[in-house]
C-alpha cells in the first residue's frame, strides 16, 4: 500500500554549518520498528539528492521511537554562504515527509492502535 511518510510520523529538522538533520518521530512503536527496518540512509539520500551532496547517516532513538538522519553537505556551505532556497535546513523535514513509501496494510492499520 503506497502512502506518504507524513501518514506514519512527524518530523523536525535543523542545521549546523553546512549540514542539516531530520528527526522522524513515529506515531507508535509498531510504526517505529517498521521504519527502522525499511527507511534507510540510501532511501533518504536518494529522495533528497537535489540538495544532499554528502553522505547520510542514520541514528536510532529507541526511547523516543525516532530516527535521526544527519545530511552532510546539504546546505551548500552553510546559511551565510549559500543561495539555496533553504540555506538553514528548516524545511528539509517537511520535504522528506512527502516521500512515498510502500507499507503493508497491517502496519498502516496500527495507526488506530
Protein backbone atom coordinates (compact mmCIF):
# COMPACT_ATOMS: atom_id res chain seq x y z
CA UNK A 1 0.00 0.00 0.00
CA UNK A 2 1.50 3.35 -1.06
CA UNK A 3 1.27 6.23 1.40
CA UNK A 4 3.32 9.28 2.27
CA UNK A 5 5.77 9.27 5.15
CA UNK A 6 3.68 12.00 6.82
CA UNK A 7 0.94 9.41 7.38
CA UNK A 8 3.06 7.45 9.88
CA UNK A 9 5.34 10.01 11.52
CA UNK A 10 6.10 13.61 12.39
CA UNK A 11 9.37 15.34 11.57
CA UNK A 12 11.66 18.16 12.65
CA UNK A 13 14.81 19.47 11.04
CA UNK A 14 17.70 21.67 11.99
CA UNK A 15 21.12 22.74 10.79
CA UNK A 16 24.71 23.25 11.83
CA UNK A 17 27.33 24.66 9.50
CA UNK A 18 26.96 23.00 6.12
CA UNK A 19 24.99 20.00 7.44
CA UNK A 20 21.37 19.53 8.40
CA UNK A 21 19.46 16.85 10.24
CA UNK A 22 15.98 15.38 10.12
CA UNK A 23 14.30 13.65 13.00
CA UNK A 24 11.40 11.32 12.22
CA UNK A 25 9.11 10.68 15.20
CA UNK A 26 6.86 7.69 14.59
CA UNK A 27 3.26 7.69 15.78
CA UNK A 28 3.64 4.38 17.66
CA UNK A 29 6.12 1.62 18.43
CA UNK A 30 4.96 -0.72 15.64
CA UNK A 31 5.45 2.01 13.03
CA UNK A 32 8.87 2.82 14.51
CA UNK A 33 10.00 -0.80 14.24
CA UNK A 34 8.83 -0.88 10.64
CA UNK A 35 10.67 2.39 9.95
CA UNK A 36 13.90 1.01 11.44
CA UNK A 37 13.74 -1.93 9.07
CA UNK A 38 12.61 -0.05 5.97
CA UNK A 39 13.71 3.61 5.90
CA UNK A 40 17.41 3.55 5.11
CA UNK A 41 20.16 6.09 4.71
CA UNK A 42 20.14 5.34 0.98
CA UNK A 43 16.38 5.97 0.74
CA UNK A 44 16.75 9.39 2.35
CA UNK A 45 19.85 10.31 0.33
CA UNK A 46 18.15 9.31 -2.92
CA UNK A 47 14.98 11.27 -2.14
CA UNK A 48 16.92 14.39 -1.11
CA UNK A 49 19.62 14.10 -3.77
CA UNK A 50 18.83 17.51 -5.22
CA UNK A 51 20.50 19.16 -2.20
CA UNK A 52 22.31 16.47 -0.17
CA UNK A 53 25.78 16.25 -1.67
CA UNK A 54 27.47 14.26 1.13
CA UNK A 55 26.63 11.09 2.98
CA UNK A 56 23.53 10.46 5.09
CA UNK A 57 23.94 8.81 8.50
CA UNK A 58 21.02 7.37 10.46
CA UNK A 59 20.76 7.08 14.24
CA UNK A 60 18.07 5.18 16.13
CA UNK A 61 16.50 6.82 19.18
CA UNK A 62 14.66 3.82 20.62
CA UNK A 63 13.45 5.59 23.75
CA UNK A 64 11.72 8.22 21.56
CA UNK A 65 10.55 5.88 18.75
CA UNK A 66 12.50 8.14 16.39
CA UNK A 67 15.15 8.10 13.70
CA UNK A 68 17.58 10.95 13.22
CA UNK A 69 19.28 11.47 9.85
CA UNK A 70 22.38 13.66 9.51
CA UNK A 71 22.56 15.11 5.99
CA UNK A 72 26.19 16.00 5.28
CA UNK A 73 26.94 18.80 2.84
CA UNK A 74 23.27 19.69 2.45
CA UNK A 75 23.47 23.46 2.88
CA UNK A 76 25.95 24.47 0.22
CA UNK A 77 28.48 25.84 2.71
CA UNK A 78 26.09 26.91 5.44
CA UNK A 79 23.40 29.51 5.98
CA UNK A 80 25.52 32.59 5.34
CA UNK A 81 27.40 31.16 2.34
CA UNK A 82 24.63 29.74 0.21
CA UNK A 83 21.98 30.88 -2.22
CA UNK A 84 19.92 27.68 -1.81
CA UNK A 85 16.20 28.07 -1.19
CA UNK A 86 16.58 26.85 2.39
CA UNK A 87 20.15 27.52 3.46
CA UNK A 88 19.23 26.91 7.10
CA UNK A 89 17.62 23.49 6.53
CA UNK A 90 14.38 24.41 8.30
CA UNK A 91 12.12 22.81 5.68
CA UNK A 92 14.11 19.65 4.96
CA UNK A 93 11.88 17.60 7.27
CA UNK A 94 8.69 18.77 5.60
CA UNK A 95 10.12 17.83 2.22
CA UNK A 96 11.08 14.33 3.41
CA UNK A 97 7.54 13.80 4.75
CA UNK A 98 6.28 13.96 1.14
CA UNK A 99 8.23 10.79 0.27
CA UNK A 100 6.05 7.91 -0.92
CA UNK A 101 6.58 4.63 0.91
CA UNK A 102 5.22 1.16 0.33
CA UNK A 103 3.91 -0.14 3.64
CA UNK A 104 1.96 -3.32 4.44
CA UNK A 105 -1.71 -2.67 5.23
CA UNK A 106 -1.38 -4.37 8.63
CA UNK A 107 1.33 -1.87 9.62
CA UNK A 108 -0.67 1.14 8.39
CA UNK A 109 -3.69 -0.17 10.28
CA UNK A 110 -1.65 0.13 13.50
CA UNK A 111 -2.20 3.91 13.29
CA UNK A 112 -5.52 3.26 15.01
CA UNK A 113 -3.94 1.41 17.93
